[in-house]
Amino acid sequence: MAGSKLIIPSFLAFMILMRYELDKGGHSVYTLAYHHVCCVKYRGKIFDSEDIIGRLKEINIEMSKKFNVEVLDQETDFDHLHFT
C-alpha cells in the first residue's frame, strides 16, 4: 500500500528502543527486566500535579540507587505509576 504508515504501540516501541544487557548461564543467554505497577489506595486520583509526580519519580530514583537497581522508565496516570 503506497503511503501507508506502520503504527507501533508505545509499549512495543519502548521494548524495541530499550538496550538489552544479556547475561549468560551454563546453557542459556537471558535478560531480566521487571514492569512494576503501583496503584494508589482506593485508586484515588492524586497524580494530578507535576510537583507530586516529579517528587515521586525522584524518590524512586533515590531508592533504586540505594538498592543498586536501574530504573529504565517511569510513567504515571492519575491513579497509578508504572516503572520498568
Protein backbone atom coordinates (compact mmCIF):
# COMPACT_ATOMS: atom_id res chain seq x y z
CA MET A 1 0.00 0.00 0.00
CA ALA A 2 1.52 3.26 -1.08
CA GLY A 3 1.59 5.96 1.56
CA SER A 4 0.51 3.70 4.45
CA LYS A 5 2.24 4.12 7.79
CA LEU A 6 3.31 1.46 10.25
CA ILE A 7 1.85 2.14 13.68
CA ILE A 8 3.75 0.65 16.61
CA PRO A 9 2.13 0.60 20.08
CA SER A 10 4.09 2.60 22.68
CA PHE A 11 4.95 -0.42 24.85
CA LEU A 12 6.39 -2.23 21.82
CA ALA A 13 8.35 0.86 20.73
CA PHE A 14 9.83 1.04 24.22
CA MET A 15 10.88 -2.61 24.05
CA ILE A 16 12.46 -2.09 20.61
CA LEU A 17 14.42 1.01 21.71
CA MET A 18 15.44 -0.44 25.07
CA ARG A 19 19.01 -1.68 25.19
CA TYR A 20 19.44 -5.19 26.48
CA GLU A 21 22.29 -6.35 28.65
CA LEU A 22 22.45 -10.07 28.15
CA ASP A 23 23.52 -12.44 30.91
CA LYS A 24 24.87 -15.91 30.25
CA GLY A 25 24.22 -19.11 32.15
CA GLY A 26 25.71 -22.53 31.58
CA HIS A 27 23.37 -23.29 28.67
CA SER A 28 21.42 -20.06 28.22
CA VAL A 29 21.51 -16.37 27.40
CA TYR A 30 18.92 -14.14 29.04
CA THR A 31 17.94 -10.67 30.15
CA LEU A 32 15.75 -9.86 33.13
CA ALA A 33 13.50 -6.80 33.39
CA TYR A 34 10.58 -6.05 35.69
CA HIS A 35 7.49 -4.00 34.91
CA HIS A 36 6.03 -2.80 38.21
CA VAL A 37 2.70 -1.04 38.66
CA CYS A 38 1.90 0.79 41.91
CA CYS A 39 -1.74 1.73 42.48
CA VAL A 40 -2.97 4.35 44.90
CA LYS A 41 -5.20 3.07 47.69
CA TYR A 42 -8.82 3.01 46.50
CA ARG A 43 -7.48 4.18 43.11
CA GLY A 44 -7.67 7.82 44.28
CA LYS A 45 -6.81 10.34 41.55
CA ILE A 46 -3.82 12.04 43.25
CA PHE A 47 -1.21 12.27 40.48
CA ASP A 48 -2.64 15.44 39.00
CA SER A 49 0.21 17.81 39.90
CA GLU A 50 3.62 17.89 38.20
CA ASP A 51 5.15 18.62 41.64
CA ILE A 52 3.77 15.39 43.11
CA ILE A 53 4.76 13.34 40.06
CA GLY A 54 8.26 14.84 39.98
CA ARG A 55 8.84 14.16 43.68
CA LEU A 56 7.58 10.59 43.35
CA LYS A 57 9.98 9.95 40.47
CA GLU A 58 12.86 11.45 42.49
CA ILE A 59 12.08 9.14 45.41
CA ASN A 60 12.02 6.13 43.08
CA ILE A 61 15.43 7.08 41.64
CA GLU A 62 16.90 7.53 45.15
CA MET A 63 15.57 4.13 46.24
CA SER A 64 16.85 2.46 43.09
CA LYS A 65 20.36 3.76 43.79
CA LYS A 66 20.14 2.52 47.37
CA PHE A 67 19.27 -1.00 46.20
CA ASN A 68 21.52 -0.93 43.09
CA VAL A 69 18.61 -1.21 40.63
CA GLU A 70 18.42 0.59 37.28
CA VAL A 71 15.10 2.33 36.54
CA LEU A 72 14.65 2.48 32.77
CA ASP A 73 11.32 4.29 32.55
CA GLN A 74 8.67 5.82 34.83
CA GLU A 75 5.21 6.97 33.79
CA THR A 76 2.14 7.97 35.79
CA ASP A 77 -1.57 8.15 35.25
CA PHE A 78 -3.95 9.85 37.69
CA ASP A 79 -4.16 6.81 39.98
CA HIS A 80 -1.10 4.63 39.32
CA LEU A 81 2.61 4.56 38.46
CA HIS A 82 4.39 2.24 36.02
CA PHE A 83 8.10 1.72 36.11
CA THR A 84 10.47 -0.60 34.34
